[in-house]
Amino acid sequence: MSNFALSAKKRTILGRKVKQLRKDGLLPANVFGKKIKSQAVTIHAKEFIKIFADAGESVLVDLGLDGKKTPVLIKNVSYNPITGAPVHADLHQVDLKEKVTAHVPLEIIGESPAVKDKIGVLLKNLDELEVEALPNDLPEKIEVEISHLKAIDESVKISDLKIGSGVKILTDLELEIVKIAPLVSKEAEKMVEEQAAAQAAAAAEAAPEVTSGGEVKQDEAKKPEEAKSVE
């Protein structure tokens, strides 16, 4: 049994008509799996948001449907681009004896001496990893220890992580999760901005002034006669 549970009801409303379901506080979803036919359902949106925030895509959820409870993984959540609210989700019914793939979030733990001593700044390149494991072996999260990062360019790669033997990482092992980059101070940023402004001003002064008619003003460019006398 999972620590999370969702209740679902069969859904006959499809297509654009599902907008009304969302207005009523329901989230359209699909239940799918290897041994079942895809089934349209609805779940309470608020209940889903609360559970998904804790379970993510790697923690089993007990789905109550037709008086039965089956283990599922939440997948492919779609969001409203304006409000950010979920508008659809897939629920993958799993066989506890068959391996599945899932995206597991990464959690940074510890404190980098390089950051603490203001030697550098921590860059985070990845937020999650794709893994394969039996449903009950899927980790809720994967910890990334950074307390050993003391100098610029030091990093933690996926290959450096310690993960249970029953979990296979599918993401490229050579990718860097975090890295210490040079610290750019506010003073340095201001200096770069001032230098750029000075260069722009110098370029503007060097350019001849042009009238609205496209002619170069005489005080900015020598007349032909003056140019000839100089020669």
Protein backbone atom coordinates (compact mmCIF):
# COMPACT_ATOMS: atom_id res chain seq x y z
CA MET A 1 0.00 0.00 0.00
CA SER A 2 1.15 3.51 -0.82
CA ASN A 3 1.15 6.47 1.54
CA PHE A 4 -0.80 8.41 -1.10
CA ALA A 5 -4.27 7.75 -2.44
CA LEU A 6 -6.42 9.29 -5.15
CA SER A 7 -10.06 8.67 -5.98
CA ALA A 8 -11.15 8.62 -9.61
CA LYS A 9 -14.39 8.29 -11.53
CA LYS A 10 -14.99 7.16 -15.08
CA ARG A 11 -15.27 10.01 -17.58
CA THR A 12 -17.57 10.13 -20.57
CA ILE A 13 -16.99 13.81 -21.37
CA LEU A 14 -14.19 14.18 -23.92
CA GLY A 15 -12.69 16.79 -26.22
CA ARG A 16 -13.36 20.49 -25.68
CA LYS A 17 -16.24 19.79 -23.33
CA VAL A 18 -13.75 18.95 -20.57
CA LYS A 19 -13.40 22.68 -19.93
CA GLN A 20 -16.57 22.51 -17.88
CA LEU A 21 -15.06 19.74 -15.76
CA ARG A 22 -12.14 22.00 -14.87
CA LYS A 23 -14.55 24.79 -13.94
CA ASP A 24 -16.20 22.32 -11.58
CA GLY A 25 -12.86 21.59 -9.86
CA LEU A 26 -12.22 18.29 -11.63
CA LEU A 27 -9.06 17.29 -13.48
CA PRO A 28 -9.37 15.17 -16.64
CA ALA A 29 -6.97 12.23 -16.63
CA ASN A 30 -6.24 8.96 -18.40
CA VAL A 31 -5.36 5.65 -16.78
CA PHE A 32 -3.11 3.46 -18.94
CA GLY A 33 -0.89 0.40 -18.62
CA LYS A 34 0.46 -2.65 -20.43
CA LYS A 35 -2.36 -4.96 -19.45
CA ILE A 36 -5.29 -2.55 -19.49
CA LYS A 37 -7.15 -0.46 -22.02
CA SER A 38 -6.68 3.29 -21.63
CA GLN A 39 -9.54 4.72 -19.60
CA ALA A 40 -10.70 8.33 -19.26
CA VAL A 41 -11.31 9.44 -15.67
CA THR A 42 -11.69 12.53 -13.52
CA ILE A 43 -10.06 13.29 -10.19
CA HIS A 44 -10.46 16.22 -7.79
CA ALA A 45 -8.01 18.92 -8.87
CA LYS A 46 -7.16 20.14 -5.35
CA GLU A 47 -6.58 16.59 -4.14
CA PHE A 48 -4.33 15.89 -7.13
CA ILE A 49 -2.25 19.06 -6.69
CA LYS A 50 -1.63 18.26 -3.02
CA ILE A 51 -0.57 14.66 -3.67
CA PHE A 52 1.50 15.42 -6.76
CA ALA A 53 3.46 18.03 -4.82
CA ASP A 54 4.65 15.28 -2.45
CA ALA A 55 4.67 12.19 -4.65
CA GLY A 56 5.96 13.63 -7.90
CA GLU A 57 6.43 11.11 -10.72
CA SER A 58 8.44 8.51 -8.81
CA VAL A 59 6.26 7.63 -5.82
CA LEU A 60 3.44 5.10 -6.06
CA VAL A 61 -0.11 6.34 -5.57
CA ASP A 62 -3.08 4.07 -4.79
CA LEU A 63 -5.81 4.89 -7.29
CA GLY A 64 -9.36 4.09 -6.21
CA LEU A 65 -11.53 3.30 -9.24
CA ASP A 66 -14.62 1.08 -9.55
CA GLY A 67 -14.25 -0.08 -5.96
CA LYS A 68 -10.69 -1.29 -6.53
CA LYS A 69 -7.30 0.13 -5.62
CA THR A 70 -4.42 -0.13 -8.05
CA PRO A 71 -0.87 1.29 -7.87
CA VAL A 72 -0.15 4.08 -10.36
CA LEU A 73 2.58 6.59 -11.15
CA ILE A 74 1.62 10.13 -12.15
CA LYS A 75 2.95 10.99 -15.62
CA ASN A 76 2.84 13.74 -18.25
CA VAL A 77 1.10 16.49 -16.31
CA SER A 78 -0.02 19.34 -18.59
CA TYR A 79 -0.44 22.89 -17.30
CA ASN A 80 -2.34 26.01 -18.27
CA PRO A 81 0.35 28.36 -19.67
CA ILE A 82 -1.29 31.41 -18.07
CA THR A 83 -2.47 30.23 -14.66
CA GLY A 84 -0.02 27.35 -14.17
CA ALA A 85 -2.84 25.09 -13.01
CA PRO A 86 -2.78 21.43 -14.13
CA VAL A 87 -5.21 20.70 -16.96
CA HIS A 88 -4.55 16.99 -17.60
CA ALA A 89 -2.54 14.07 -16.25
CA ASP A 90 -1.73 10.49 -17.15
CA LEU A 91 -1.88 7.77 -14.50
CA HIS A 92 0.36 4.81 -15.30
CA GLN A 93 -1.01 1.62 -13.77
CA VAL A 94 2.05 -0.50 -12.97
CA ASP A 95 2.85 -4.13 -12.30
CA LEU A 96 4.89 -4.25 -9.12
CA LYS A 97 6.96 -7.08 -10.60
CA GLU A 98 7.92 -5.19 -13.77
CA LYS A 99 10.48 -2.38 -14.05
CA VAL A 100 9.32 1.10 -15.03
CA THR A 101 11.01 4.37 -15.93
CA ALA A 102 10.48 7.57 -13.98
CA HIS A 103 11.96 11.02 -13.46
CA VAL A 104 13.34 11.44 -9.96
CA PRO A 105 14.06 14.92 -8.53
CA LEU A 106 17.55 15.84 -7.31
CA GLU A 107 18.06 17.43 -3.91
CA ILE A 108 21.19 19.43 -3.06
CA ILE A 109 22.49 18.73 0.44
CA GLY A 110 25.40 20.19 2.41
CA GLU A 111 27.20 23.49 1.86
CA SER A 112 30.03 24.11 -0.57
CA PRO A 113 33.15 25.69 1.06
CA ALA A 114 33.75 27.53 -2.23
CA VAL A 115 30.35 29.21 -1.95
CA LYS A 116 30.63 29.80 1.79
CA ASP A 117 34.03 31.48 1.41
CA LYS A 118 32.82 33.49 -1.60
CA ILE A 119 35.34 31.87 -3.92
CA GLY A 120 32.72 30.86 -6.47
CA VAL A 121 29.03 30.38 -7.16
CA LEU A 122 27.14 27.08 -7.45
CA LEU A 123 25.61 26.40 -10.86
CA LYS A 124 22.85 23.79 -10.97
CA ASN A 125 22.49 22.15 -14.38
CA LEU A 126 20.00 19.34 -13.67
CA ASP A 127 16.85 19.12 -11.56
CA GLU A 128 15.98 15.45 -12.12
CA LEU A 129 17.22 12.15 -13.51
CA GLU A 130 15.50 9.47 -15.55
CA VAL A 131 15.85 6.07 -13.90
CA GLU A 132 14.60 2.51 -14.28
CA ALA A 133 13.59 0.26 -11.40
CA LEU A 134 10.83 -1.84 -9.93
CA PRO A 135 7.99 0.45 -8.77
CA ASN A 136 8.69 -0.15 -5.09
CA ASP A 137 12.42 0.51 -5.58
CA LEU A 138 11.98 3.93 -7.16
CA PRO A 139 13.61 6.58 -4.95
CA GLU A 140 11.49 9.54 -3.90
CA LYS A 141 14.51 11.79 -4.49
CA ILE A 142 18.25 11.54 -5.12
CA GLU A 143 20.62 13.47 -2.88
CA VAL A 144 23.56 15.42 -4.30
CA GLU A 145 26.27 16.13 -1.72
CA ILE A 146 28.24 19.35 -2.36
CA SER A 147 30.21 19.82 0.88
CA HIS A 148 33.42 18.70 -0.87
CA LEU A 149 33.33 21.38 -3.56
CA LYS A 150 36.14 23.76 -2.52
CA ALA A 151 37.50 25.29 -5.75
CA ILE A 152 36.51 26.76 -9.10
CA ASP A 153 35.51 24.17 -11.76
CA GLU A 154 34.95 21.38 -9.23
CA SER A 155 31.71 19.56 -9.95
CA VAL A 156 29.45 16.62 -9.19
CA LYS A 157 28.65 14.37 -12.13
CA ILE A 158 25.85 11.84 -12.33
CA SER A 159 28.48 9.10 -12.15
CA ASP A 160 29.48 10.40 -8.68
CA LEU A 161 26.07 9.68 -7.16
CA LYS A 162 25.42 6.82 -4.77
CA ILE A 163 22.21 5.02 -5.72
CA GLY A 164 20.72 1.68 -4.71
CA SER A 165 21.71 -1.37 -6.75
CA GLY A 166 18.13 -1.87 -7.91
CA VAL A 167 18.02 1.51 -9.64
CA LYS A 168 19.51 2.08 -13.09
CA ILE A 169 20.22 5.64 -14.24
CA LEU A 170 19.24 6.26 -17.85
CA THR A 171 20.57 9.83 -18.10
CA ASP A 172 24.12 10.33 -19.45
CA LEU A 173 26.46 9.60 -16.53
CA GLU A 174 29.02 12.19 -17.65
CA LEU A 175 26.65 15.12 -17.30
CA GLU A 176 27.47 17.60 -14.53
CA ILE A 177 24.71 18.14 -11.99
CA VAL A 178 26.36 21.07 -10.22
CA LYS A 179 29.57 23.01 -10.77
CA ILE A 180 31.50 25.80 -9.05
CA ALA A 181 31.84 28.81 -11.36
CA PRO A 182 33.86 32.02 -10.83
CA LEU A 183 32.15 34.54 -8.61
CA VAL A 184 31.15 37.70 -10.45
CA SER A 185 30.90 40.56 -7.96
CA LYS A 186 28.54 43.50 -8.32
CA GLU A 187 31.58 45.77 -8.62
CA ALA A 188 32.87 43.73 -11.56
CA GLU A 189 29.47 43.82 -13.26
CA LYS A 190 29.30 47.60 -12.79
CA MET A 191 32.79 48.01 -14.24
CA VAL A 192 31.82 46.03 -17.36
CA GLU A 193 28.70 48.16 -17.79
CA GLU A 194 30.68 51.41 -17.41
CA GLN A 195 33.27 50.25 -19.93
CA ALA A 196 30.55 49.38 -22.44
CA ALA A 197 28.88 52.77 -21.94
CA ALA A 198 32.19 54.59 -22.40
CA GLN A 199 32.92 52.72 -25.62
CA ALA A 200 29.45 53.52 -26.96
CA ALA A 201 29.87 57.22 -26.12
CA ALA A 202 33.29 57.34 -27.81
CA ALA A 203 31.88 55.73 -30.94
CA ALA A 204 29.02 58.23 -31.02
CA GLU A 205 31.41 61.20 -30.75
CA ALA A 206 33.61 59.87 -33.55
CA ALA A 207 30.72 59.49 -35.98
CA PRO A 208 29.80 62.58 -38.12
CA GLU A 209 26.46 64.20 -37.38
CA VAL A 210 23.90 63.62 -40.10
CA THR A 211 20.94 65.89 -40.79
CA SER A 212 17.42 64.66 -41.32
CA GLY A 213 18.03 64.95 -45.06
CA GLY A 214 20.93 62.56 -44.87
CA GLU A 215 23.65 65.22 -45.39
CA VAL A 216 26.77 65.43 -43.28
CA LYS A 217 27.06 68.77 -41.47
CA GLN A 218 29.91 70.99 -42.73
CA ASP A 219 31.41 71.49 -39.29
CA GLU A 220 31.75 67.72 -38.95
CA ALA A 221 33.27 67.07 -42.40
CA LYS A 222 35.70 69.15 -44.43
CA LYS A 223 34.55 70.84 -47.59
CA PRO A 224 36.10 69.54 -50.83
CA GLU A 225 38.14 72.76 -51.19
CA GLU A 226 39.50 72.45 -47.64
CA ALA A 227 40.40 68.86 -48.18
CA LYS A 228 42.26 69.77 -51.39
CA SER A 229 44.27 72.51 -49.70
CA VAL A 230 45.39 70.17 -46.99
CA GLU A 231 46.70 67.75 -49.58
